[in-house]
Amino acid sequence: MSTKAGFVALIGEPNAGKSTLTNRMVGAKVSIVTHKVQTTRARIRGVALEGDSQLVFVDTPGLFKPRRRLDRAMVAAAWGGAADADVIVLLIEAHRGITDGVEKILEGLNALPKGRRVALAINKIDRVESQVLLALTSEMNERYAFERTFMISAEKGFGVQDLREWLAGEMPEGPWLYPEDQIADLPMRMIAAEMTREKLTLRLHQELPYQLTVETENWEERKDGSARIDQMIYVARDGHKGIILGKKGETIKAISKLAREELEEFLGRKVHLFLQVKLRENWLEEAERYSEMGLDFKDGNR
C-alpha cells in the first residue's frame, strides 16, 4: 500500500472553530480553544492518520484586521500557512454568514497563485435552519470556485469524518512526515506553555490575555518518572502582575492547578508545575519572544 502525506491549512476569522476542528481531527488537544478571539498565535501543526494518509493540520491564527506588531505577525503566519499547504480549508460560521472578515479572506484567496486547492467548511451548522445553509453554500460558491463544500460542527463532530476522508484522498503520495504516534510538531515545552496560557486566557478578562505570554524556562525529568516544569508569565504592565497573582496568590494558584492537571492528563504522569510572573514592558517588541511563539518578528513590520 502506497502512503500519502501532506499539509492542510485551516483558515478563517477568529473564533470560526479552527482550533476545535484541529483537535477533533487529531483526536487530542494540541491547540488552545477558548471563547476569546485571537487565542491561537503560532501555526500549530496537529498530525492525524486516516487510512494510508497522514494529514498535517496547520491551525493558523485567525485572519483579522491587524493593529499591533503581534497582530501583523499572526496574520502573516496565517497566510504563510495557507500558501505552503497542499489543501486549504476555509472555515466560516453558519450563523454569521458572509461577514466583512470573510469578504477580506475571499479577496486574499483570489490573490493567491493559481492552482491553490481550496475547500469550504461551513461550521456550527446546528445553529441555523437548512434553507439558510443552502443559501450560504450557494452564495459562497458563486464568490469562489471551491473544490468541495462541507457542512460540519467541529464541536459536536457532525460531518467531520467526511471532510477528513476527502482530505486523506487528496494528499500527495509520499512517505509520512512524522512518526506514527506523533500528534503535534510543537516541542513539548511549547505545548506546556500554551496550556498555561489557555488557563490564563479563560480566567482573565478584557485586554490582559493579549498583553501576556508564557514561556517554559526549565523542564526537568525526575527519577520517579515525574517532571518539574518551570514557566515564566511575561506581562507588559506592572499592574498586570497583581491581577495574575490575585488576592493572597489565589488566582495564580488556581491557574497553576488547572494547567498542571491538564499537563498530567496529556503526559500521563505526575507534573510539578511552578509559575512566576515577570514584568517585561516591551516583550511585544522583542524578536526572541516571537521566536518562542513560532512567529516571524520581521512580519510584524508589514
Protein backbone atom coordinates (compact mmCIF):
# COMPACT_ATOMS: atom_id res chain seq x y z
CA MET A 1 0.00 0.00 0.00
CA SER A 2 1.45 3.37 -1.01
CA THR A 3 1.34 6.07 1.62
CA LYS A 4 0.26 9.69 1.30
CA ALA A 5 1.14 12.75 3.35
CA GLY A 6 0.52 16.46 3.13
CA PHE A 7 -0.39 19.72 4.80
CA VAL A 8 -3.90 21.07 5.34
CA ALA A 9 -4.19 24.76 6.30
CA LEU A 10 -7.29 25.77 8.23
CA ILE A 11 -8.03 29.46 7.72
CA GLY A 12 -10.87 31.70 8.80
CA GLU A 13 -11.86 34.53 11.09
CA PRO A 14 -11.04 34.43 14.82
CA ASN A 15 -13.41 32.05 16.65
CA ALA A 16 -14.52 30.29 13.44
CA GLY A 17 -13.64 26.95 15.06
CA LYS A 18 -10.20 26.21 13.57
CA SER A 19 -8.63 25.08 16.86
CA THR A 20 -11.67 22.97 17.74
CA LEU A 21 -11.52 21.31 14.30
CA THR A 22 -7.76 20.69 14.61
CA ASN A 23 -8.24 18.99 17.97
CA ARG A 24 -11.19 16.97 16.64
CA MET A 25 -9.18 15.78 13.63
CA VAL A 26 -6.14 14.86 15.73
CA GLY A 27 -8.18 13.24 18.49
CA ALA A 28 -6.29 15.15 21.19
CA LYS A 29 -5.95 18.71 22.40
CA VAL A 30 -3.00 20.28 20.60
CA SER A 31 -4.41 23.78 20.12
CA ILE A 32 -5.85 26.37 22.51
CA VAL A 33 -9.65 26.55 22.50
CA THR A 34 -11.32 29.46 24.30
CA HIS A 35 -14.28 31.75 23.78
CA LYS A 36 -11.88 34.66 23.38
CA VAL A 37 -10.79 35.61 19.86
CA GLN A 38 -7.21 35.55 18.58
CA THR A 39 -6.01 32.93 21.06
CA THR A 40 -4.05 30.90 18.50
CA ARG A 41 -0.80 32.76 17.85
CA ALA A 42 1.55 30.31 16.17
CA ARG A 43 0.91 27.93 13.30
CA ILE A 44 0.02 24.84 15.31
CA ARG A 45 0.58 21.61 13.43
CA GLY A 46 -1.57 18.68 14.51
CA VAL A 47 -0.93 15.28 12.96
CA ALA A 48 -3.72 12.81 12.14
CA LEU A 49 -3.85 9.45 10.35
CA GLU A 50 -6.66 8.42 8.03
CA GLY A 51 -6.12 5.08 6.28
CA ASP A 52 -2.76 5.23 4.49
CA SER A 53 -2.70 9.05 4.62
CA GLN A 54 -1.03 11.31 7.16
CA LEU A 55 -2.71 14.69 7.47
CA VAL A 56 -0.74 17.55 8.98
CA PHE A 57 -3.23 20.23 10.05
CA VAL A 58 -1.90 23.76 10.23
CA ASP A 59 -4.18 25.61 12.67
CA THR A 60 -3.39 29.18 11.70
CA PRO A 61 -4.10 32.35 13.69
CA GLY A 62 -7.46 33.89 12.82
CA LEU A 63 -7.47 36.39 9.97
CA PHE A 64 -8.49 39.84 11.14
CA LYS A 65 -7.52 43.48 10.67
CA PRO A 66 -4.14 43.81 12.43
CA ARG A 67 -3.45 46.74 14.77
CA ARG A 68 -0.19 45.83 16.53
CA ARG A 69 3.09 44.18 15.61
CA LEU A 70 1.92 40.90 17.16
CA ASP A 71 -1.33 41.07 15.14
CA ARG A 72 0.59 41.64 11.89
CA ALA A 73 2.94 38.72 12.60
CA MET A 74 -0.06 36.47 13.35
CA VAL A 75 -1.87 37.39 10.12
CA ALA A 76 1.35 36.87 8.12
CA ALA A 77 1.71 33.43 9.73
CA ALA A 78 -1.85 32.54 8.75
CA TRP A 79 -1.37 33.43 5.08
CA GLY A 80 2.06 31.78 5.12
CA GLY A 81 0.46 28.56 6.35
CA ALA A 82 -2.14 28.76 3.59
CA ALA A 83 0.43 29.40 0.85
CA ASP A 84 2.52 26.38 1.89
CA ALA A 85 -0.35 23.88 2.21
CA ASP A 86 -1.42 21.12 -0.19
CA VAL A 87 -5.07 21.90 0.55
CA ILE A 88 -6.62 24.98 2.18
CA VAL A 89 -9.87 24.70 4.12
CA LEU A 90 -11.75 27.95 4.69
CA LEU A 91 -13.86 27.71 7.82
CA ILE A 92 -16.83 30.06 8.19
CA GLU A 93 -19.59 30.20 10.81
CA ALA A 94 -23.04 29.21 9.55
CA HIS A 95 -24.93 31.67 11.76
CA ARG A 96 -22.69 34.64 10.89
CA GLY A 97 -22.61 34.07 7.14
CA ILE A 98 -20.52 36.26 4.84
CA THR A 99 -19.12 38.91 7.16
CA ASP A 100 -16.71 41.71 6.25
CA GLY A 101 -13.93 39.46 7.53
CA VAL A 102 -14.98 36.60 5.23
CA GLU A 103 -15.11 39.04 2.31
CA LYS A 104 -11.49 40.04 3.05
CA ILE A 105 -10.41 36.39 3.22
CA LEU A 106 -12.06 35.69 -0.15
CA GLU A 107 -10.07 38.60 -1.59
CA GLY A 108 -6.90 37.08 -0.11
CA LEU A 109 -7.71 33.66 -1.61
CA ASN A 110 -8.23 35.21 -5.02
CA ALA A 111 -4.80 36.86 -4.72
CA LEU A 112 -3.04 33.51 -4.13
CA PRO A 113 -1.23 31.87 -7.08
CA LYS A 114 -3.49 29.95 -9.45
CA GLY A 115 -3.80 26.26 -8.75
CA ARG A 116 -4.29 26.56 -4.97
CA ARG A 117 -6.70 23.87 -3.83
CA VAL A 118 -9.38 25.26 -1.51
CA ALA A 119 -12.36 23.59 0.16
CA LEU A 120 -15.11 25.32 2.14
CA ALA A 121 -16.25 24.09 5.56
CA ILE A 122 -19.36 25.74 6.97
CA ASN A 123 -19.11 25.25 10.72
CA LYS A 124 -21.67 25.38 13.56
CA ILE A 125 -24.43 24.09 11.26
CA ASP A 126 -26.57 23.16 14.27
CA ARG A 127 -27.23 26.89 14.82
CA VAL A 128 -29.21 27.55 11.61
CA GLU A 129 -32.05 26.14 9.51
CA SER A 130 -31.29 24.06 6.40
CA GLN A 131 -32.54 26.71 3.96
CA VAL A 132 -30.09 29.23 5.43
CA LEU A 133 -27.26 26.73 4.91
CA LEU A 134 -28.23 26.09 1.31
CA ALA A 135 -28.38 29.80 0.53
CA LEU A 136 -25.00 30.40 2.19
CA THR A 137 -23.43 27.47 0.31
CA SER A 138 -24.72 28.78 -2.99
CA GLU A 139 -23.54 32.34 -2.39
CA MET A 140 -20.06 31.30 -1.19
CA ASN A 141 -19.55 29.08 -4.23
CA GLU A 142 -20.55 31.97 -6.50
CA ARG A 143 -17.80 34.06 -4.86
CA TYR A 144 -15.05 31.45 -5.15
CA ALA A 145 -14.51 28.16 -7.01
CA PHE A 146 -14.23 25.82 -4.02
CA GLU A 147 -13.37 22.21 -4.86
CA ARG A 148 -15.80 20.88 -2.28
CA THR A 149 -18.15 22.24 0.37
CA PHE A 150 -18.64 20.50 3.71
CA MET A 151 -21.22 21.24 6.38
CA ILE A 152 -19.84 20.46 9.81
CA SER A 153 -19.96 21.00 13.54
CA ALA A 154 -16.37 20.86 14.76
CA GLU A 155 -17.55 20.88 18.37
CA LYS A 156 -20.06 18.03 18.02
CA GLY A 157 -18.29 16.13 15.25
CA PHE A 158 -21.03 16.31 12.59
CA GLY A 159 -19.61 15.96 9.07
CA VAL A 160 -16.00 15.98 10.27
CA GLN A 161 -15.27 12.40 9.17
CA ASP A 162 -16.46 13.16 5.61
CA LEU A 163 -14.07 16.13 5.45
CA ARG A 164 -11.24 14.06 6.92
CA GLU A 165 -11.72 11.21 4.42
CA TRP A 166 -11.86 13.60 1.47
CA LEU A 167 -8.67 15.35 2.61
CA ALA A 168 -6.93 11.99 3.05
CA GLY A 169 -7.72 11.12 -0.56
CA GLU A 170 -6.36 14.45 -1.82
CA MET A 171 -2.92 14.22 -0.19
CA PRO A 172 0.08 13.64 -2.49
CA GLU A 173 1.75 10.24 -2.50
CA GLY A 174 4.89 10.02 -0.39
CA PRO A 175 6.29 8.86 2.94
CA TRP A 176 4.73 10.04 6.18
CA LEU A 177 6.27 13.22 7.52
CA TYR A 178 6.08 12.33 11.22
CA PRO A 179 6.31 9.12 13.31
CA GLU A 180 3.02 7.23 13.58
CA ASP A 181 2.48 8.10 17.25
CA GLN A 182 3.27 11.82 16.99
CA ILE A 183 0.25 14.13 17.22
CA ALA A 184 1.93 17.56 17.01
CA ASP A 185 5.16 19.05 15.73
CA LEU A 186 5.44 21.58 18.53
CA PRO A 187 8.06 20.86 21.21
CA MET A 188 6.50 19.71 24.50
CA ARG A 189 7.90 22.84 26.17
CA MET A 190 5.76 24.99 23.86
CA ILE A 191 2.64 22.82 24.25
CA ALA A 192 3.03 23.11 28.03
CA ALA A 193 3.34 26.90 27.77
CA GLU A 194 0.24 27.07 25.55
CA MET A 195 -1.75 25.03 28.09
CA THR A 196 -0.90 27.51 30.84
CA ARG A 197 -1.69 30.45 28.53
CA GLU A 198 -5.09 28.94 27.81
CA LYS A 199 -5.89 28.80 31.54
CA LEU A 200 -4.79 32.43 31.91
CA THR A 201 -6.95 33.42 28.94
CA LEU A 202 -10.01 31.68 30.37
CA ARG A 203 -9.53 33.15 33.84
CA LEU A 204 -8.63 36.72 32.94
CA HIS A 205 -10.76 39.27 31.13
CA GLN A 206 -10.63 42.21 28.74
CA GLU A 207 -7.28 43.00 27.09
CA LEU A 208 -4.95 41.30 29.55
CA PRO A 209 -4.69 37.92 27.75
CA TYR A 210 -3.28 39.68 24.69
CA GLN A 211 -0.69 41.51 26.81
CA LEU A 212 0.94 38.38 28.20
CA THR A 213 2.92 35.41 27.02
CA VAL A 214 4.13 32.21 28.70
CA GLU A 215 7.48 30.50 28.24
CA THR A 216 8.70 27.19 29.62
CA GLU A 217 12.09 28.05 31.08
CA ASN A 218 13.04 24.68 32.57
CA TRP A 219 11.93 21.06 32.14
CA GLU A 220 13.47 18.53 34.49
CA GLU A 221 12.81 14.80 34.21
CA ARG A 222 12.84 13.25 37.70
CA LYS A 223 13.94 9.76 38.68
CA ASP A 224 10.43 8.87 39.89
CA GLY A 225 9.07 9.45 36.36
CA SER A 226 7.52 12.83 37.13
CA ALA A 227 8.52 16.12 35.54
CA ARG A 228 9.28 19.50 37.10
CA ILE A 229 8.25 22.35 34.79
CA ASP A 230 9.15 25.98 35.48
CA GLN A 231 7.30 28.62 33.48
CA MET A 232 7.53 32.40 33.28
CA ILE A 233 4.48 34.56 32.58
CA TYR A 234 5.63 37.81 30.96
CA VAL A 235 3.34 40.84 31.30
CA ALA A 236 3.59 44.22 29.61
CA ARG A 237 2.42 46.37 32.55
CA ASP A 238 3.28 46.33 36.23
CA GLY A 239 -0.38 46.43 37.25
CA HIS A 240 -0.98 43.15 35.43
CA LYS A 241 1.23 41.23 37.86
CA GLY A 242 -1.21 41.81 40.71
CA ILE A 243 -4.17 40.73 38.57
CA ILE A 244 -2.49 37.43 37.68
CA LEU A 245 -1.32 36.76 41.23
CA GLY A 246 -4.70 37.65 42.76
CA LYS A 247 -5.51 38.22 46.41
CA LYS A 248 -3.04 36.22 48.53
CA GLY A 249 -1.90 34.47 45.33
CA GLU A 250 -5.27 32.78 44.84
CA THR A 251 -5.56 33.45 41.09
CA ILE A 252 -2.16 32.11 40.10
CA LYS A 253 -2.67 29.06 42.36
CA ALA A 254 -5.96 28.27 40.61
CA ILE A 255 -4.38 28.73 37.16
CA SER A 256 -1.39 26.58 38.12
CA LYS A 257 -3.67 23.78 39.40
CA LEU A 258 -5.74 23.71 36.20
CA ALA A 259 -2.66 23.81 33.94
CA ARG A 260 -0.92 21.09 35.97
CA GLU A 261 -3.97 18.80 35.83
CA GLU A 262 -4.23 19.16 32.06
CA LEU A 263 -0.49 18.57 31.63
CA GLU A 264 -0.68 15.42 33.77
CA GLU A 265 -3.56 14.11 31.67
CA PHE A 266 -1.73 14.94 28.42
CA LEU A 267 1.60 13.40 29.53
CA GLY A 268 0.10 10.55 31.52
CA ARG A 269 2.30 11.18 34.57
CA LYS A 270 2.78 13.43 37.57
CA VAL A 271 3.84 17.03 36.95
CA HIS A 272 5.25 19.61 39.37
CA LEU A 273 4.43 23.00 37.82
CA PHE A 274 5.94 26.25 39.10
CA LEU A 275 4.75 29.59 37.71
CA GLN A 276 6.33 33.01 38.11
CA VAL A 277 5.19 36.40 36.81
CA LYS A 278 7.69 38.90 35.44
CA LEU A 279 7.28 42.42 34.11
CA ARG A 280 8.72 42.83 30.64
CA GLU A 281 7.28 46.06 29.33
CA ASN A 282 8.48 45.70 25.74
CA TRP A 283 8.05 41.97 25.20
CA LEU A 284 5.72 42.75 22.27
CA GLU A 285 8.72 44.36 20.55
CA GLU A 286 11.31 41.63 21.30
CA ALA A 287 12.31 39.28 18.49
CA GLU A 288 13.12 36.49 20.97
CA ARG A 289 9.54 36.37 22.28
CA TYR A 290 8.22 35.98 18.72
CA SER A 291 10.62 33.09 18.08
CA GLU A 292 9.25 31.38 21.20
CA MET A 293 5.73 31.69 19.75
CA GLY A 294 6.81 30.36 16.35
CA LEU A 295 6.22 33.73 14.67
CA ASP A 296 8.50 35.83 12.47
CA PHE A 297 9.35 39.12 14.19
CA LYS A 298 10.03 40.78 10.82
CA ASP A 299 6.48 40.02 9.68
CA GLY A 300 5.30 42.46 12.33
CA ASN A 301 6.80 45.30 10.30
CA ARG A 302 4.43 44.80 7.37
